[in-house]
């Protein structure tokens, strides 16, 4: 069975990355990098995925984005519920044999 991944993003006025010692990214920084509302992001499994930021249109571009790569806790289960203002940007399958640490 192939592993599934959900890419979600949650806008926030708080820079969540600061607690890890680096500066987070804003919606505006992604739009600038992409040259619009669609572009590629690297995932934790070594591939790049094209995502659309359209679900975030209307959100203040100066808000930070917490980009999340979510896998079900048990292979084959549903994805966990998203809370807050998080939105789904994409769902995809990983190549057969990809190891997902749980």
N, C-alpha and C. Protein backbone atom coordinates (compact mmCIF):
# COMPACT_ATOMS: atom_id res chain seq x y z
N UNK A 1 0.84 -1.17 0.00
CA UNK A 1 0.00 0.00 0.00
C UNK A 1 0.90 1.25 0.00
N UNK A 2 0.58 2.20 -0.86
CA UNK A 2 1.36 3.43 -0.92
C UNK A 2 0.97 4.36 0.22
N UNK A 3 1.96 5.10 0.68
CA UNK A 3 1.74 6.11 1.72
C UNK A 3 1.14 7.36 1.09
N UNK A 4 0.20 7.97 1.79
CA UNK A 4 -0.43 9.21 1.34
C UNK A 4 0.07 10.37 2.19
N UNK A 5 0.18 11.54 1.54
CA UNK A 5 0.63 12.75 2.22
C UNK A 5 -0.36 13.86 1.91
N UNK A 6 -0.64 14.67 2.91
CA UNK A 6 -1.47 15.87 2.74
C UNK A 6 -0.59 17.08 3.05
N UNK A 7 -0.56 18.02 2.13
CA UNK A 7 0.12 19.29 2.39
C UNK A 7 -0.95 20.28 2.82
N UNK A 8 -0.75 20.86 4.00
CA UNK A 8 -1.69 21.86 4.52
C UNK A 8 -0.89 23.08 4.93
N UNK A 9 -1.56 24.21 4.98
CA UNK A 9 -0.92 25.46 5.41
C UNK A 9 -1.86 26.19 6.36
N UNK A 10 -1.28 26.72 7.41
CA UNK A 10 -2.06 27.46 8.40
C UNK A 10 -1.48 28.86 8.54
N UNK A 11 -2.27 29.90 8.19
CA UNK A 11 -1.80 31.28 8.36
C UNK A 11 -1.83 31.68 9.83
N UNK A 12 -0.83 32.48 10.23
CA UNK A 12 -0.74 32.91 11.62
C UNK A 12 0.00 34.24 11.72
N UNK A 13 -0.42 35.08 12.65
CA UNK A 13 0.30 36.33 12.93
C UNK A 13 1.59 36.04 13.69
N UNK A 14 1.69 34.86 14.27
CA UNK A 14 2.87 34.48 15.06
C UNK A 14 3.84 33.70 14.18
N UNK A 15 5.11 34.06 14.27
CA UNK A 15 6.15 33.35 13.53
C UNK A 15 6.48 32.06 14.27
N UNK A 16 5.81 30.96 13.90
CA UNK A 16 5.99 29.68 14.58
C UNK A 16 7.42 29.17 14.49
N UNK A 17 8.15 29.53 13.44
CA UNK A 17 9.51 29.02 13.22
C UNK A 17 10.53 29.65 14.17
N UNK A 18 10.20 30.79 14.75
CA UNK A 18 11.15 31.48 15.64
C UNK A 18 11.57 30.60 16.81
N UNK A 19 10.67 29.76 17.28
CA UNK A 19 11.03 28.90 18.41
C UNK A 19 12.06 27.85 18.03
N UNK A 20 12.25 27.62 16.72
CA UNK A 20 13.26 26.69 16.24
C UNK A 20 14.53 27.41 15.79
N UNK A 21 14.56 28.73 15.98
CA UNK A 21 15.76 29.50 15.70
C UNK A 21 15.89 30.03 14.28
N UNK A 22 14.82 30.01 13.51
CA UNK A 22 14.90 30.61 12.18
C UNK A 22 13.63 31.39 11.88
N UNK A 23 13.70 32.23 10.85
CA UNK A 23 12.57 33.08 10.50
C UNK A 23 11.60 32.31 9.61
N UNK A 24 10.33 32.39 9.95
CA UNK A 24 9.29 31.74 9.16
C UNK A 24 9.03 32.49 7.86
N UNK A 25 8.19 31.89 7.04
CA UNK A 25 7.86 32.47 5.75
C UNK A 25 6.43 32.99 5.76
N UNK A 26 6.22 34.10 5.08
CA UNK A 26 4.89 34.68 4.95
C UNK A 26 4.24 34.20 3.65
N UNK A 27 2.93 34.37 3.58
CA UNK A 27 2.23 34.07 2.34
C UNK A 27 2.83 34.89 1.20
N UNK A 28 3.12 36.16 1.47
CA UNK A 28 3.71 37.03 0.43
C UNK A 28 5.04 36.48 -0.07
N UNK A 29 5.85 35.90 0.82
CA UNK A 29 7.15 35.38 0.38
C UNK A 29 6.99 34.18 -0.55
N UNK A 30 5.97 33.34 -0.30
CA UNK A 30 5.71 32.22 -1.20
C UNK A 30 5.21 32.72 -2.55
N UNK A 31 4.29 33.69 -2.54
CA UNK A 31 3.75 34.23 -3.79
C UNK A 31 4.88 34.85 -4.61
N UNK A 32 5.78 35.57 -3.93
CA UNK A 32 6.91 36.18 -4.64
C UNK A 32 7.83 35.10 -5.22
N UNK A 33 8.16 34.09 -4.43
CA UNK A 33 9.03 33.01 -4.91
C UNK A 33 8.39 32.28 -6.10
N UNK A 34 7.09 31.99 -6.00
CA UNK A 34 6.39 31.26 -7.05
C UNK A 34 6.15 32.12 -8.30
N UNK A 35 6.13 33.44 -8.11
CA UNK A 35 5.76 34.31 -9.22
C UNK A 35 4.26 34.28 -9.47
N UNK A 36 3.50 33.95 -8.43
CA UNK A 36 2.04 33.84 -8.51
C UNK A 36 1.54 32.92 -7.42
N UNK A 37 0.37 32.35 -7.63
CA UNK A 37 -0.30 31.57 -6.60
C UNK A 37 0.00 30.08 -6.67
N UNK A 38 0.82 29.66 -7.63
CA UNK A 38 1.14 28.24 -7.76
C UNK A 38 2.65 28.08 -7.93
N UNK A 39 3.19 27.07 -7.25
CA UNK A 39 4.62 26.80 -7.36
C UNK A 39 5.00 25.51 -6.67
N UNK A 40 6.30 25.24 -6.64
CA UNK A 40 6.80 24.00 -6.06
C UNK A 40 7.35 24.20 -4.66
N UNK A 41 7.10 23.20 -3.81
CA UNK A 41 7.71 23.15 -2.48
C UNK A 41 8.36 21.78 -2.31
N UNK A 42 9.46 21.75 -1.57
CA UNK A 42 10.11 20.48 -1.27
C UNK A 42 9.40 19.80 -0.11
N UNK A 43 9.30 18.47 -0.20
CA UNK A 43 8.68 17.76 0.91
C UNK A 43 9.76 17.04 1.73
N UNK A 44 9.42 16.53 2.91
CA UNK A 44 10.42 15.88 3.76
C UNK A 44 10.88 14.52 3.22
N UNK A 45 10.33 14.10 2.09
CA UNK A 45 10.65 12.78 1.55
C UNK A 45 11.55 12.88 0.31
N UNK A 46 12.05 14.08 0.04
CA UNK A 46 13.01 14.27 -1.04
C UNK A 46 12.43 14.60 -2.40
N UNK A 47 11.15 14.86 -2.49
CA UNK A 47 10.57 15.24 -3.78
C UNK A 47 10.06 16.67 -3.72
N UNK A 48 9.67 17.17 -4.86
CA UNK A 48 9.08 18.50 -4.94
C UNK A 48 7.65 18.34 -5.42
N UNK A 49 6.77 19.12 -4.84
CA UNK A 49 5.35 19.05 -5.16
C UNK A 49 4.84 20.41 -5.59
N UNK A 50 4.05 20.42 -6.65
CA UNK A 50 3.40 21.66 -7.09
C UNK A 50 2.16 21.86 -6.22
N UNK A 51 2.06 23.04 -5.62
CA UNK A 51 0.90 23.37 -4.80
C UNK A 51 0.28 24.68 -5.29
N UNK A 52 -1.00 24.82 -5.02
CA UNK A 52 -1.70 26.07 -5.29
C UNK A 52 -2.03 26.73 -3.96
N UNK A 53 -1.75 28.01 -3.88
CA UNK A 53 -2.08 28.78 -2.68
C UNK A 53 -3.46 29.42 -2.79
N UNK A 54 -4.21 29.08 -3.83
CA UNK A 54 -5.54 29.66 -4.05
C UNK A 54 -6.45 29.57 -2.84
N UNK A 55 -6.42 28.46 -2.05
CA UNK A 55 -7.31 28.41 -0.88
C UNK A 55 -7.00 29.52 0.13
N UNK A 56 -5.85 30.19 -0.03
CA UNK A 56 -5.46 31.26 0.90
C UNK A 56 -5.70 32.66 0.32
N UNK A 57 -6.27 32.70 -0.87
CA UNK A 57 -6.57 34.02 -1.46
C UNK A 57 -7.53 34.75 -0.54
N UNK A 58 -7.25 36.00 -0.27
CA UNK A 58 -8.06 36.77 0.66
C UNK A 58 -7.46 36.84 2.05
N UNK A 59 -6.47 35.99 2.32
CA UNK A 59 -5.75 36.02 3.60
C UNK A 59 -4.70 37.12 3.54
N UNK A 60 -4.48 37.81 4.64
CA UNK A 60 -3.45 38.84 4.71
C UNK A 60 -2.11 38.25 4.29
N UNK A 61 -1.48 38.76 3.22
CA UNK A 61 -0.22 38.18 2.74
C UNK A 61 0.95 38.35 3.71
N UNK A 62 0.79 39.20 4.71
CA UNK A 62 1.86 39.40 5.69
C UNK A 62 1.82 38.37 6.82
N UNK A 63 0.80 37.51 6.82
CA UNK A 63 0.74 36.46 7.83
C UNK A 63 1.74 35.36 7.51
N UNK A 64 2.27 34.76 8.55
CA UNK A 64 3.19 33.63 8.39
C UNK A 64 2.39 32.40 8.02
N UNK A 65 3.04 31.48 7.28
CA UNK A 65 2.40 30.22 6.93
C UNK A 65 3.14 29.08 7.60
N UNK A 66 2.39 28.27 8.28
CA UNK A 66 2.93 27.02 8.83
C UNK A 66 2.59 25.94 7.81
N UNK A 67 3.60 25.53 7.04
CA UNK A 67 3.41 24.50 6.01
C UNK A 67 3.57 23.14 6.68
N UNK A 68 2.59 22.26 6.50
CA UNK A 68 2.60 20.96 7.17
C UNK A 68 2.49 19.83 6.15
N UNK A 69 3.28 18.79 6.36
CA UNK A 69 3.22 17.58 5.55
C UNK A 69 2.70 16.49 6.48
N UNK A 70 1.46 16.08 6.25
CA UNK A 70 0.74 15.23 7.20
C UNK A 70 0.55 13.84 6.60
N UNK A 71 0.85 12.81 7.41
CA UNK A 71 0.55 11.43 7.02
C UNK A 71 -0.37 10.85 8.09
N UNK A 72 -1.22 9.90 7.72
CA UNK A 72 -2.05 9.25 8.74
C UNK A 72 -1.18 8.55 9.78
N UNK A 73 -1.65 8.49 11.01
CA UNK A 73 -0.88 7.82 12.07
C UNK A 73 -0.69 6.34 11.78
N UNK A 74 -1.68 5.74 11.14
CA UNK A 74 -1.61 4.34 10.73
C UNK A 74 -1.82 4.30 9.23
N UNK A 75 -0.92 3.63 8.51
CA UNK A 75 -1.04 3.54 7.06
C UNK A 75 -2.42 3.03 6.68
N UNK A 76 -3.07 3.74 5.76
CA UNK A 76 -4.40 3.36 5.30
C UNK A 76 -5.53 4.07 6.02
N UNK A 77 -5.24 4.67 7.18
CA UNK A 77 -6.28 5.43 7.91
C UNK A 77 -6.52 6.78 7.25
N UNK A 78 -7.59 7.44 7.70
CA UNK A 78 -7.88 8.80 7.23
C UNK A 78 -6.87 9.77 7.82
N UNK A 79 -6.74 10.92 7.17
CA UNK A 79 -5.89 11.99 7.70
C UNK A 79 -6.53 12.56 8.96
N UNK A 80 -5.71 13.07 9.89
CA UNK A 80 -6.29 13.72 11.06
C UNK A 80 -7.03 15.00 10.67
N UNK A 81 -7.93 15.42 11.51
CA UNK A 81 -8.71 16.64 11.28
C UNK A 81 -7.79 17.86 11.36
N UNK A 82 -8.01 18.81 10.47
CA UNK A 82 -7.28 20.08 10.52
C UNK A 82 -8.03 21.03 11.44
N UNK A 83 -7.30 21.77 12.24
CA UNK A 83 -7.89 22.73 13.16
C UNK A 83 -7.47 24.14 12.80
N UNK A 84 -8.10 25.11 13.43
CA UNK A 84 -7.76 26.50 13.21
C UNK A 84 -8.11 26.92 11.79
N UNK A 85 -7.22 27.70 11.20
CA UNK A 85 -7.44 28.23 9.85
C UNK A 85 -6.67 27.44 8.80
N UNK A 86 -6.22 26.24 9.13
CA UNK A 86 -5.44 25.43 8.19
C UNK A 86 -6.31 25.02 7.00
N UNK A 87 -5.68 25.00 5.82
CA UNK A 87 -6.36 24.57 4.60
C UNK A 87 -5.51 23.51 3.89
N UNK A 88 -6.17 22.64 3.16
CA UNK A 88 -5.46 21.62 2.39
C UNK A 88 -5.00 22.23 1.06
N UNK A 89 -3.72 22.06 0.75
CA UNK A 89 -3.17 22.54 -0.51
C UNK A 89 -3.05 21.43 -1.54
N UNK A 90 -2.80 20.20 -1.05
CA UNK A 90 -2.62 19.08 -1.98
C UNK A 90 -2.59 17.77 -1.20
N UNK A 91 -3.00 16.70 -1.86
CA UNK A 91 -2.83 15.33 -1.35
C UNK A 91 -2.17 14.53 -2.46
N UNK A 92 -1.25 13.64 -2.08
CA UNK A 92 -0.55 12.84 -3.08
C UNK A 92 -0.04 11.55 -2.45
N UNK A 93 0.37 10.62 -3.30
CA UNK A 93 0.94 9.35 -2.85
C UNK A 93 2.45 9.38 -3.01
N UNK A 94 3.14 8.79 -2.05
CA UNK A 94 4.59 8.64 -2.14
C UNK A 94 4.93 7.41 -2.98
N UNK A 95 6.10 7.40 -3.58
CA UNK A 95 6.51 6.21 -4.33
C UNK A 95 6.53 4.98 -3.44
N UNK A 96 6.21 3.84 -4.03
CA UNK A 96 6.22 2.56 -3.30
C UNK A 96 7.57 2.38 -2.62
N UNK A 97 7.54 1.95 -1.36
CA UNK A 97 8.77 1.69 -0.61
C UNK A 97 9.29 2.87 0.18
N UNK A 98 8.68 4.06 0.04
CA UNK A 98 9.12 5.20 0.82
C UNK A 98 8.85 4.95 2.30
N UNK A 99 9.86 5.15 3.12
CA UNK A 99 9.72 4.92 4.56
C UNK A 99 9.22 6.20 5.22
N UNK A 100 8.13 6.07 5.96
CA UNK A 100 7.55 7.19 6.69
C UNK A 100 7.71 6.92 8.18
N UNK A 101 8.56 7.69 8.88
CA UNK A 101 8.70 7.46 10.31
C UNK A 101 7.43 7.84 11.05
N UNK A 102 7.04 7.01 11.97
CA UNK A 102 5.83 7.29 12.76
C UNK A 102 6.18 7.23 14.23
